[in-house]
Amino acid sequence: DCLQSPYALVDIPLFTVYIAFSLLSVQ
């Protein structure tokens, strides 16, 4: 019930992990 808009939640950690990827792999 508390996940009526659950898909918005996963975008936050997804963004953070790919930011880390940008630093640790690309840069």
mmCIF file of all heavy atoms, coordinates in Angstrom:
data_MODEL
# 
_entry.id   MODEL 
# 
loop_
_atom_site.group_PDB 
_atom_site.id 
_atom_site.type_symbol 
_atom_site.label_atom_id 
_atom_site.label_alt_id 
_atom_site.label_comp_id 
_atom_site.label_asym_id 
_atom_site.label_entity_id 
_atom_site.label_seq_id 
_atom_site.pdbx_PDB_ins_code 
_atom_site.Cartn_x 
_atom_site.Cartn_y 
_atom_site.Cartn_z 
_atom_site.occupancy 
_atom_site.B_iso_or_equiv 
_atom_site.pdbx_formal_charge 
_atom_site.auth_seq_id 
_atom_site.auth_comp_id 
_atom_site.auth_asym_id 
_atom_site.auth_atom_id 
_atom_site.pdbx_PDB_model_num 
ATOM 1   N N   . ASP A 1 1  ? 0.811  -1.207 0.000   1.00 0.00 ? 1  ASP A N   1 
ATOM 2   C CA  . ASP A 1 1  ? 0.000  0.000  0.000   1.00 0.00 ? 1  ASP A CA  1 
ATOM 3   C C   . ASP A 1 1  ? 0.847  1.262  0.000   1.00 0.00 ? 1  ASP A C   1 
ATOM 4   O O   . ASP A 1 1  ? 0.472  2.284  -0.565  1.00 0.00 ? 1  ASP A O   1 
ATOM 5   C CB  . ASP A 1 1  ? -0.927 -0.001 1.221   1.00 0.00 ? 1  ASP A CB  1 
ATOM 6   C CG  . ASP A 1 1  ? -1.978 -1.098 1.123   1.00 0.00 ? 1  ASP A CG  1 
ATOM 7   O OD1 . ASP A 1 1  ? -2.282 -1.529 -0.005  1.00 0.00 ? 1  ASP A OD1 1 
ATOM 8   O OD2 . ASP A 1 1  ? -2.488 -1.509 2.176   1.00 0.00 ? 1  ASP A OD2 1 
ATOM 9   N N   . CYS A 1 2  ? 1.996  1.193  0.667   1.00 0.00 ? 2  CYS A N   1 
ATOM 10  C CA  . CYS A 1 2  ? 2.841  2.381  0.747   1.00 0.00 ? 2  CYS A CA  1 
ATOM 11  C C   . CYS A 1 2  ? 3.672  2.567  -0.509  1.00 0.00 ? 2  CYS A C   1 
ATOM 12  O O   . CYS A 1 2  ? 4.415  3.511  -0.637  1.00 0.00 ? 2  CYS A O   1 
ATOM 13  C CB  . CYS A 1 2  ? 3.753  2.302  1.966   1.00 0.00 ? 2  CYS A CB  1 
ATOM 14  S SG  . CYS A 1 2  ? 4.915  0.957  1.870   1.00 0.00 ? 2  CYS A SG  1 
ATOM 15  N N   . LEU A 1 3  ? 3.492  1.673  -1.460  1.00 0.00 ? 3  LEU A N   1 
ATOM 16  C CA  . LEU A 1 3  ? 4.272  1.776  -2.699  1.00 0.00 ? 3  LEU A CA  1 
ATOM 17  C C   . LEU A 1 3  ? 3.361  2.096  -3.875  1.00 0.00 ? 3  LEU A C   1 
ATOM 18  O O   . LEU A 1 3  ? 3.447  1.495  -4.931  1.00 0.00 ? 3  LEU A O   1 
ATOM 19  C CB  . LEU A 1 3  ? 5.017  0.457  -2.956  1.00 0.00 ? 3  LEU A CB  1 
ATOM 20  C CG  . LEU A 1 3  ? 6.161  0.149  -1.998  1.00 0.00 ? 3  LEU A CG  1 
ATOM 21  C CD1 . LEU A 1 3  ? 6.778  -1.194 -2.363  1.00 0.00 ? 3  LEU A CD1 1 
ATOM 22  C CD2 . LEU A 1 3  ? 7.204  1.214  -2.020  1.00 0.00 ? 3  LEU A CD2 1 
ATOM 23  N N   . GLN A 1 4  ? 2.437  3.039  -3.667  1.00 0.00 ? 4  GLN A N   1 
ATOM 24  C CA  . GLN A 1 4  ? 1.575  3.429  -4.768  1.00 0.00 ? 4  GLN A CA  1 
ATOM 25  C C   . GLN A 1 4  ? 2.380  4.086  -5.879  1.00 0.00 ? 4  GLN A C   1 
ATOM 26  O O   . GLN A 1 4  ? 2.002  4.063  -7.028  1.00 0.00 ? 4  GLN A O   1 
ATOM 27  C CB  . GLN A 1 4  ? 0.490  4.395  -4.257  1.00 0.00 ? 4  GLN A CB  1 
ATOM 28  C CG  . GLN A 1 4  ? -0.482 3.743  -3.275  1.00 0.00 ? 4  GLN A CG  1 
ATOM 29  C CD  . GLN A 1 4  ? -1.190 2.553  -3.872  1.00 0.00 ? 4  GLN A CD  1 
ATOM 30  O OE1 . GLN A 1 4  ? -1.692 2.608  -4.993  1.00 0.00 ? 4  GLN A OE1 1 
ATOM 31  N NE2 . GLN A 1 4  ? -1.213 1.444  -3.158  1.00 0.00 ? 4  GLN A NE2 1 
ATOM 32  N N   . SER A 1 5  ? 3.494  4.731  -5.545  1.00 0.00 ? 5  SER A N   1 
ATOM 33  C CA  . SER A 1 5  ? 4.403  5.281  -6.544  1.00 0.00 ? 5  SER A CA  1 
ATOM 34  C C   . SER A 1 5  ? 5.791  4.711  -6.310  1.00 0.00 ? 5  SER A C   1 
ATOM 35  O O   . SER A 1 5  ? 6.761  5.445  -6.113  1.00 0.00 ? 5  SER A O   1 
ATOM 36  C CB  . SER A 1 5  ? 4.439  6.811  -6.458  1.00 0.00 ? 5  SER A CB  1 
ATOM 37  O OG  . SER A 1 5  ? 3.163  7.357  -6.676  1.00 0.00 ? 5  SER A OG  1 
ATOM 38  N N   . PRO A 1 6  ? 5.953  3.387  -6.333  1.00 0.00 ? 6  PRO A N   1 
ATOM 39  C CA  . PRO A 1 6  ? 7.203  2.758  -5.916  1.00 0.00 ? 6  PRO A CA  1 
ATOM 40  C C   . PRO A 1 6  ? 8.328  2.952  -6.899  1.00 0.00 ? 6  PRO A C   1 
ATOM 41  O O   . PRO A 1 6  ? 9.485  2.995  -6.534  1.00 0.00 ? 6  PRO A O   1 
ATOM 42  C CB  . PRO A 1 6  ? 6.823  1.276  -5.826  1.00 0.00 ? 6  PRO A CB  1 
ATOM 43  C CG  . PRO A 1 6  ? 5.730  1.123  -6.830  1.00 0.00 ? 6  PRO A CG  1 
ATOM 44  C CD  . PRO A 1 6  ? 4.968  2.401  -6.808  1.00 0.00 ? 6  PRO A CD  1 
ATOM 45  N N   . TYR A 1 7  ? 7.965  3.079  -8.178  1.00 0.00 ? 7  TYR A N   1 
ATOM 46  C CA  . TYR A 1 7  ? 8.996  3.142  -9.196  1.00 0.00 ? 7  TYR A CA  1 
ATOM 47  C C   . TYR A 1 7  ? 9.839  4.404  -9.085  1.00 0.00 ? 7  TYR A C   1 
ATOM 48  O O   . TYR A 1 7  ? 10.942 4.458  -9.573  1.00 0.00 ? 7  TYR A O   1 
ATOM 49  C CB  . TYR A 1 7  ? 8.361  3.044  -10.590 1.00 0.00 ? 7  TYR A CB  1 
ATOM 50  C CG  . TYR A 1 7  ? 7.112  3.857  -10.755 1.00 0.00 ? 7  TYR A CG  1 
ATOM 51  C CD1 . TYR A 1 7  ? 7.173  5.192  -11.125 1.00 0.00 ? 7  TYR A CD1 1 
ATOM 52  C CD2 . TYR A 1 7  ? 5.866  3.281  -10.558 1.00 0.00 ? 7  TYR A CD2 1 
ATOM 53  C CE1 . TYR A 1 7  ? 6.033  5.934  -11.282 1.00 0.00 ? 7  TYR A CE1 1 
ATOM 54  C CE2 . TYR A 1 7  ? 4.709  4.028  -10.715 1.00 0.00 ? 7  TYR A CE2 1 
ATOM 55  C CZ  . TYR A 1 7  ? 4.802  5.346  -11.085 1.00 0.00 ? 7  TYR A CZ  1 
ATOM 56  O OH  . TYR A 1 7  ? 3.667  6.093  -11.241 1.00 0.00 ? 7  TYR A OH  1 
ATOM 57  N N   . ALA A 1 8  ? 9.309  5.465  -8.451  1.00 0.00 ? 8  ALA A N   1 
ATOM 58  C CA  . ALA A 1 8  ? 10.093 6.684  -8.262  1.00 0.00 ? 8  ALA A CA  1 
ATOM 59  C C   . ALA A 1 8  ? 11.243 6.434  -7.300  1.00 0.00 ? 8  ALA A C   1 
ATOM 60  O O   . ALA A 1 8  ? 12.286 7.061  -7.398  1.00 0.00 ? 8  ALA A O   1 
ATOM 61  C CB  . ALA A 1 8  ? 9.196  7.800  -7.742  1.00 0.00 ? 8  ALA A CB  1 
ATOM 62  N N   . LEU A 1 9  ? 11.051 5.522  -6.372  1.00 0.00 ? 9  LEU A N   1 
ATOM 63  C CA  . LEU A 1 9  ? 12.065 5.268  -5.358  1.00 0.00 ? 9  LEU A CA  1 
ATOM 64  C C   . LEU A 1 9  ? 13.340 4.697  -5.953  1.00 0.00 ? 9  LEU A C   1 
ATOM 65  O O   . LEU A 1 9  ? 14.428 5.031  -5.520  1.00 0.00 ? 9  LEU A O   1 
ATOM 66  C CB  . LEU A 1 9  ? 11.512 4.297  -4.297  1.00 0.00 ? 9  LEU A CB  1 
ATOM 67  C CG  . LEU A 1 9  ? 10.352 4.801  -3.450  1.00 0.00 ? 9  LEU A CG  1 
ATOM 68  C CD1 . LEU A 1 9  ? 9.843  3.688  -2.549  1.00 0.00 ? 9  LEU A CD1 1 
ATOM 69  C CD2 . LEU A 1 9  ? 10.780 5.980  -2.603  1.00 0.00 ? 9  LEU A CD2 1 
ATOM 70  N N   . VAL A 1 10 ? 13.224 3.827  -6.933  1.00 0.00 ? 10 VAL A N   1 
ATOM 71  C CA  . VAL A 1 10 ? 14.395 3.125  -7.443  1.00 0.00 ? 10 VAL A CA  1 
ATOM 72  C C   . VAL A 1 10 ? 15.282 4.029  -8.287  1.00 0.00 ? 10 VAL A C   1 
ATOM 73  O O   . VAL A 1 10 ? 16.473 3.762  -8.460  1.00 0.00 ? 10 VAL A O   1 
ATOM 74  C CB  . VAL A 1 10 ? 13.957 1.876  -8.249  1.00 0.00 ? 10 VAL A CB  1 
ATOM 75  C CG1 . VAL A 1 10 ? 13.485 2.260  -9.641  1.00 0.00 ? 10 VAL A CG1 1 
ATOM 76  C CG2 . VAL A 1 10 ? 15.078 0.856  -8.324  1.00 0.00 ? 10 VAL A CG2 1 
ATOM 77  N N   . ASP A 1 11 ? 14.738 5.137  -8.795  1.00 0.00 ? 11 ASP A N   1 
ATOM 78  C CA  . ASP A 1 11 ? 15.532 6.038  -9.625  1.00 0.00 ? 11 ASP A CA  1 
ATOM 79  C C   . ASP A 1 11 ? 16.629 6.742  -8.831  1.00 0.00 ? 11 ASP A C   1 
ATOM 80  O O   . ASP A 1 11 ? 17.678 7.076  -9.381  1.00 0.00 ? 11 ASP A O   1 
ATOM 81  C CB  . ASP A 1 11 ? 14.629 7.097  -10.276 1.00 0.00 ? 11 ASP A CB  1 
ATOM 82  C CG  . ASP A 1 11 ? 13.650 6.485  -11.250 1.00 0.00 ? 11 ASP A CG  1 
ATOM 83  O OD1 . ASP A 1 11 ? 13.993 5.438  -11.820 1.00 0.00 ? 11 ASP A OD1 1 
ATOM 84  O OD2 . ASP A 1 11 ? 12.547 7.040  -11.426 1.00 0.00 ? 11 ASP A OD2 1 
ATOM 85  N N   . ILE A 1 12 ? 16.385 6.971  -7.538  1.00 0.00 ? 12 ILE A N   1 
ATOM 86  C CA  . ILE A 1 12 ? 17.363 7.695  -6.719  1.00 0.00 ? 12 ILE A CA  1 
ATOM 87  C C   . ILE A 1 12 ? 18.647 6.891  -6.542  1.00 0.00 ? 12 ILE A C   1 
ATOM 88  O O   . ILE A 1 12 ? 19.738 7.380  -6.847  1.00 0.00 ? 12 ILE A O   1 
ATOM 89  C CB  . ILE A 1 12 ? 16.747 8.084  -5.355  1.00 0.00 ? 12 ILE A CB  1 
ATOM 90  C CG1 . ILE A 1 12 ? 15.563 9.034  -5.581  1.00 0.00 ? 12 ILE A CG1 1 
ATOM 91  C CG2 . ILE A 1 12 ? 17.794 8.730  -4.450  1.00 0.00 ? 12 ILE A CG2 1 
ATOM 92  C CD1 . ILE A 1 12 ? 14.762 9.317  -4.328  1.00 0.00 ? 12 ILE A CD1 1 
ATOM 93  N N   . PRO A 1 13 ? 18.574 5.647  -6.036  1.00 0.00 ? 13 PRO A N   1 
ATOM 94  C CA  . PRO A 1 13 ? 19.813 4.858  -5.938  1.00 0.00 ? 13 PRO A CA  1 
ATOM 95  C C   . PRO A 1 13 ? 20.419 4.532  -7.295  1.00 0.00 ? 13 PRO A C   1 
ATOM 96  O O   . PRO A 1 13 ? 21.647 4.441  -7.416  1.00 0.00 ? 13 PRO A O   1 
ATOM 97  C CB  . PRO A 1 13 ? 19.381 3.585  -5.200  1.00 0.00 ? 13 PRO A CB  1 
ATOM 98  C CG  . PRO A 1 13 ? 17.910 3.509  -5.354  1.00 0.00 ? 13 PRO A CG  1 
ATOM 99  C CD  . PRO A 1 13 ? 17.424 4.918  -5.439  1.00 0.00 ? 13 PRO A CD  1 
ATOM 100 N N   . LEU A 1 14 ? 19.581 4.379  -8.325  1.00 0.00 ? 14 LEU A N   1 
ATOM 101 C CA  . LEU A 1 14 ? 20.103 4.122  -9.665  1.00 0.00 ? 14 LEU A CA  1 
ATOM 102 C C   . LEU A 1 14 ? 20.971 5.285  -10.123 1.00 0.00 ? 14 LEU A C   1 
ATOM 103 O O   . LEU A 1 14 ? 22.075 5.083  -10.651 1.00 0.00 ? 14 LEU A O   1 
ATOM 104 C CB  . LEU A 1 14 ? 18.940 3.915  -10.645 1.00 0.00 ? 14 LEU A CB  1 
ATOM 105 C CG  . LEU A 1 14 ? 19.321 3.587  -12.092 1.00 0.00 ? 14 LEU A CG  1 
ATOM 106 C CD1 . LEU A 1 14 ? 19.948 2.204  -12.192 1.00 0.00 ? 14 LEU A CD1 1 
ATOM 107 C CD2 . LEU A 1 14 ? 18.095 3.670  -13.008 1.00 0.00 ? 14 LEU A CD2 1 
ATOM 108 N N   . PHE A 1 15 ? 20.503 6.507  -9.915  1.00 0.00 ? 15 PHE A N   1 
ATOM 109 C CA  . PHE A 1 15 ? 21.266 7.701  -10.289 1.00 0.00 ? 15 PHE A CA  1 
ATOM 110 C C   . PHE A 1 15 ? 22.592 7.746  -9.530  1.00 0.00 ? 15 PHE A C   1 
ATOM 111 O O   . PHE A 1 15 ? 23.646 8.028  -10.108 1.00 0.00 ? 15 PHE A O   1 
ATOM 112 C CB  . PHE A 1 15 ? 20.434 8.953  -9.994  1.00 0.00 ? 15 PHE A CB  1 
ATOM 113 C CG  . PHE A 1 15 ? 21.055 10.233 -10.466 1.00 0.00 ? 15 PHE A CG  1 
ATOM 114 C CD1 . PHE A 1 15 ? 20.835 10.694 -11.757 1.00 0.00 ? 15 PHE A CD1 1 
ATOM 115 C CD2 . PHE A 1 15 ? 21.869 10.985 -9.629  1.00 0.00 ? 15 PHE A CD2 1 
ATOM 116 C CE1 . PHE A 1 15 ? 21.409 11.869 -12.203 1.00 0.00 ? 15 PHE A CE1 1 
ATOM 117 C CE2 . PHE A 1 15 ? 22.448 12.160 -10.056 1.00 0.00 ? 15 PHE A CE2 1 
ATOM 118 C CZ  . PHE A 1 15 ? 22.221 12.612 -11.351 1.00 0.00 ? 15 PHE A CZ  1 
ATOM 119 N N   . THR A 1 16 ? 22.553 7.449  -8.231  1.00 0.00 ? 16 THR A N   1 
ATOM 120 C CA  . THR A 1 16 ? 23.756 7.523  -7.394  1.00 0.00 ? 16 THR A CA  1 
ATOM 121 C C   . THR A 1 16 ? 24.804 6.505  -7.821  1.00 0.00 ? 16 THR A C   1 
ATOM 122 O O   . THR A 1 16 ? 25.999 6.820  -7.916  1.00 0.00 ? 16 THR A O   1 
ATOM 123 C CB  . THR A 1 16 ? 23.396 7.291  -5.916  1.00 0.00 ? 16 THR A CB  1 
ATOM 124 O OG1 . THR A 1 16 ? 22.367 8.208  -5.538  1.00 0.00 ? 16 THR A OG1 1 
ATOM 125 C CG2 . THR A 1 16 ? 24.602 7.503  -5.027  1.00 0.00 ? 16 THR A CG2 1 
ATOM 126 N N   . VAL A 1 17 ? 24.364 5.280  -8.092  1.00 0.00 ? 17 VAL A N   1 
ATOM 127 C CA  . VAL A 1 17 ? 25.308 4.229  -8.475  1.00 0.00 ? 17 VAL A CA  1 
ATOM 128 C C   . VAL A 1 17 ? 25.965 4.554  -9.817  1.00 0.00 ? 17 VAL A C   1 
ATOM 129 O O   . VAL A 1 17 ? 27.169 4.332  -10.004 1.00 0.00 ? 17 VAL A O   1 
ATOM 130 C CB  . VAL A 1 17 ? 24.599 2.858  -8.527  1.00 0.00 ? 17 VAL A CB  1 
ATOM 131 C CG1 . VAL A 1 17 ? 25.459 1.819  -9.232  1.00 0.00 ? 17 VAL A CG1 1 
ATOM 132 C CG2 . VAL A 1 17 ? 24.280 2.383  -7.112  1.00 0.00 ? 17 VAL A CG2 1 
ATOM 133 N N   . TYR A 1 18 ? 25.198 5.109  -10.745 1.00 0.00 ? 18 TYR A N   1 
ATOM 134 C CA  . TYR A 1 18 ? 25.792 5.457  -12.039 1.00 0.00 ? 18 TYR A CA  1 
ATOM 135 C C   . TYR A 1 18 ? 26.679 6.698  -11.946 1.00 0.00 ? 18 TYR A C   1 
ATOM 136 O O   . TYR A 1 18 ? 27.601 6.861  -12.751 1.00 0.00 ? 18 TYR A O   1 
ATOM 137 C CB  . TYR A 1 18 ? 24.702 5.611  -13.109 1.00 0.00 ? 18 TYR A CB  1 
ATOM 138 C CG  . TYR A 1 18 ? 24.406 4.296  -13.795 1.00 0.00 ? 18 TYR A CG  1 
ATOM 139 C CD1 . TYR A 1 18 ? 23.486 3.410  -13.258 1.00 0.00 ? 18 TYR A CD1 1 
ATOM 140 C CD2 . TYR A 1 18 ? 25.082 3.923  -14.948 1.00 0.00 ? 18 TYR A CD2 1 
ATOM 141 C CE1 . TYR A 1 18 ? 23.228 2.198  -13.868 1.00 0.00 ? 18 TYR A CE1 1 
ATOM 142 C CE2 . TYR A 1 18 ? 24.833 2.708  -15.568 1.00 0.00 ? 18 TYR A CE2 1 
ATOM 143 C CZ  . TYR A 1 18 ? 23.903 1.854  -15.027 1.00 0.00 ? 18 TYR A CZ  1 
ATOM 144 O OH  . TYR A 1 18 ? 23.665 0.633  -15.626 1.00 0.00 ? 18 TYR A OH  1 
ATOM 145 N N   . ILE A 1 19 ? 26.403 7.563  -10.987 1.00 0.00 ? 19 ILE A N   1 
ATOM 146 C CA  . ILE A 1 19 ? 27.332 8.666  -10.709 1.00 0.00 ? 19 ILE A CA  1 
ATOM 147 C C   . ILE A 1 19 ? 28.665 8.086  -10.237 1.00 0.00 ? 19 ILE A C   1 
ATOM 148 O O   . ILE A 1 19 ? 29.753 8.527  -10.651 1.00 0.00 ? 19 ILE A O   1 
ATOM 149 C CB  . ILE A 1 19 ? 26.741 9.621  -9.652  1.00 0.00 ? 19 ILE A CB  1 
ATOM 150 C CG1 . ILE A 1 19 ? 25.682 10.530 -10.279 1.00 0.00 ? 19 ILE A CG1 1 
ATOM 151 C CG2 . ILE A 1 19 ? 27.825 10.460 -8.997  1.00 0.00 ? 19 ILE A CG2 1 
ATOM 152 C CD1 . ILE A 1 19 ? 26.221 11.656 -11.131 1.00 0.00 ? 19 ILE A CD1 1 
ATOM 153 N N   . ALA A 1 20 ? 28.585 7.097  -9.336  1.00 0.00 ? 20 ALA A N   1 
ATOM 154 C CA  . ALA A 1 20 ? 29.801 6.429  -8.847  1.00 0.00 ? 20 ALA A CA  1 
ATOM 155 C C   . ALA A 1 20 ? 30.532 5.734  -9.989  1.00 0.00 ? 20 ALA A C   1 
ATOM 156 O O   . ALA A 1 20 ? 31.767 5.774  -10.078 1.00 0.00 ? 20 ALA A O   1 
ATOM 157 C CB  . ALA A 1 20 ? 29.442 5.425  -7.754  1.00 0.00 ? 20 ALA A CB  1 
ATOM 158 N N   . PHE A 1 21 ? 29.769 5.101  -10.878 1.00 0.00 ? 21 PHE A N   1 
ATOM 159 C CA  . PHE A 1 21 ? 30.361 4.460  -12.058 1.00 0.00 ? 21 PHE A CA  1 
ATOM 160 C C   . PHE A 1 21 ? 31.105 5.486  -12.898 1.00 0.00 ? 21 PHE A C   1 
ATOM 161 O O   . PHE A 1 21 ? 32.207 5.220  -13.409 1.00 0.00 ? 21 PHE A O   1 
ATOM 162 C CB  . PHE A 1 21 ? 29.259 3.790  -12.882 1.00 0.00 ? 21 PHE A CB  1 
ATOM 163 C CG  . PHE A 1 21 ? 29.670 3.428  -14.283 1.00 0.00 ? 21 PHE A CG  1 
ATOM 164 C CD1 . PHE A 1 21 ? 30.407 2.287  -14.527 1.00 0.00 ? 21 PHE A CD1 1 
ATOM 165 C CD2 . PHE A 1 21 ? 29.300 4.228  -15.361 1.00 0.00 ? 21 PHE A CD2 1 
ATOM 166 C CE1 . PHE A 1 21 ? 30.795 1.956  -15.823 1.00 0.00 ? 21 PHE A CE1 1 
ATOM 167 C CE2 . PHE A 1 21 ? 29.676 3.904  -16.653 1.00 0.00 ? 21 PHE A CE2 1 
ATOM 168 C CZ  . PHE A 1 21 ? 30.426 2.762  -16.880 1.00 0.00 ? 21 PHE A CZ  1 
ATOM 169 N N   . SER A 1 22 ? 30.519 6.668  -13.046 1.00 0.00 ? 22 SER A N   1 
ATOM 170 C CA  . SER A 1 22 ? 31.147 7.727  -13.844 1.00 0.00 ? 22 SER A CA  1 
ATOM 171 C C   . SER A 1 22 ? 32.506 8.112  -13.278 1.00 0.00 ? 22 SER A C   1 
ATOM 172 O O   . SER A 1 22 ? 33.463 8.339  -14.023 1.00 0.00 ? 22 SER A O   1 
ATOM 173 C CB  . SER A 1 22 ? 30.224 8.942  -13.901 1.00 0.00 ? 22 SER A CB  1 
ATOM 174 O OG  . SER A 1 22 ? 30.801 9.976  -14.663 1.00 0.00 ? 22 SER A OG  1 
ATOM 175 N N   . LEU A 1 23 ? 32.599 8.166  -11.932 1.00 0.00 ? 23 LEU A N   1 
ATOM 176 C CA  . LEU A 1 23 ? 33.870 8.537  -11.305 1.00 0.00 ? 23 LEU A CA  1 
ATOM 177 C C   . LEU A 1 23 ? 34.870 7.384  -11.320 1.00 0.00 ? 23 LEU A C   1 
ATOM 178 O O   . LEU A 1 23 ? 36.022 7.553  -11.732 1.00 0.00 ? 23 LEU A O   1 
ATOM 179 C CB  . LEU A 1 23 ? 33.637 8.981  -9.859  1.00 0.00 ? 23 LEU A CB  1 
ATOM 180 C CG  . LEU A 1 23 ? 34.901 9.248  -9.035  1.00 0.00 ? 23 LEU A CG  1 
ATOM 181 C CD1 . LEU A 1 23 ? 35.689 10.424 -9.612  1.00 0.00 ? 23 LEU A CD1 1 
ATOM 182 C CD2 . LEU A 1 23 ? 34.564 9.503  -7.575  1.00 0.00 ? 23 LEU A CD2 1 
ATOM 183 N N   . LEU A 1 24 ? 34.425 6.187  -10.901 1.00 0.00 ? 24 LEU A N   1 
ATOM 184 C CA  . LEU A 1 24 ? 35.354 5.079  -10.661 1.00 0.00 ? 24 LEU A CA  1 
ATOM 185 C C   . LEU A 1 24 ? 35.716 4.305  -11.920 1.00 0.00 ? 24 LEU A C   1 
ATOM 186 O O   . LEU A 1 24 ? 36.774 3.675  -11.971 1.00 0.00 ? 24 LEU A O   1 
ATOM 187 C CB  . LEU A 1 24 ? 34.748 4.129  -9.615  1.00 0.00 ? 24 LEU A CB  1 
ATOM 188 C CG  . LEU A 1 24 ? 34.423 4.780  -8.264  1.00 0.00 ? 24 LEU A CG  1 
ATOM 189 C CD1 . LEU A 1 24 ? 33.683 3.798  -7.371  1.00 0.00 ? 24 LEU A CD1 1 
ATOM 190 C CD2 . LEU A 1 24 ? 35.684 5.290  -7.592  1.00 0.00 ? 24 LEU A CD2 1 
ATOM 191 N N   . SER A 1 25 ? 34.865 4.355  -12.935 1.00 0.00 ? 25 SER A N   1 
ATOM 192 C CA  . SER A 1 25 ? 35.165 3.623  -14.170 1.00 0.00 ? 25 SER A CA  1 
ATOM 193 C C   . SER A 1 25 ? 35.529 4.566  -15.313 1.00 0.00 ? 25 SER A C   1 
ATOM 194 O O   . SER A 1 25 ? 36.570 4.414  -15.951 1.00 0.00 ? 25 SER A O   1 
ATOM 195 C CB  . SER A 1 25 ? 33.971 2.746  -14.559 1.00 0.00 ? 25 SER A CB  1 
ATOM 196 O OG  . SER A 1 25 ? 33.797 1.706  -13.614 1.00 0.00 ? 25 SER A OG  1 
ATOM 197 N N   . VAL A 1 26 ? 34.675 5.579  -15.582 1.00 0.00 ? 26 VAL A N   1 
ATOM 198 C CA  . VAL A 1 26 ? 34.948 6.495  -16.694 1.00 0.00 ? 26 VAL A CA  1 
ATOM 199 C C   . VAL A 1 26 ? 36.123 7.416  -16.350 1.00 0.00 ? 26 VAL A C   1 
ATOM 200 O O   . VAL A 1 26 ? 37.151 7.440  -17.031 1.00 0.00 ? 26 VAL A O   1 
ATOM 201 C CB  . VAL A 1 26 ? 33.693 7.308  -17.046 1.00 0.00 ? 26 VAL A CB  1 
ATOM 202 C CG1 . VAL A 1 26 ? 34.002 8.257  -18.206 1.00 0.00 ? 26 VAL A CG1 1 
ATOM 203 C CG2 . VAL A 1 26 ? 32.533 6.385  -17.417 1.00 0.00 ? 26 VAL A CG2 1 
ATOM 204 N N   . GLN A 1 27 ? 35.966 8.176  -15.251 1.00 0.00 ? 27 GLN A N   1 
ATOM 205 C CA  . GLN A 1 27 ? 37.066 9.039  -14.808 1.00 0.00 ? 27 GLN A CA  1 
ATOM 206 C C   . GLN A 1 27 ? 38.188 8.214  -14.173 1.00 0.00 ? 27 GLN A C   1 
ATOM 207 O O   . GLN A 1 27 ? 39.284 8.730  -13.936 1.00 0.00 ? 27 GLN A O   1 
ATOM 208 C CB  . GLN A 1 27 ? 36.560 10.071 -13.794 1.00 0.00 ? 27 GLN A CB  1 
ATOM 209 C CG  . GLN A 1 27 ? 35.528 11.031 -14.351 1.00 0.00 ? 27 GLN A CG  1 
ATOM 210 C CD  . GLN A 1 27 ? 36.103 11.953 -15.410 1.00 0.00 ? 27 GLN A CD  1 
ATOM 211 O OE1 . GLN A 1 27 ? 37.265 12.325 -15.360 1.00 0.00 ? 27 GLN A OE1 1 
ATOM 212 N NE2 . GLN A 1 27 ? 35.273 12.323 -16.377 1.00 0.00 ? 27 GLN A NE2 1 
# 
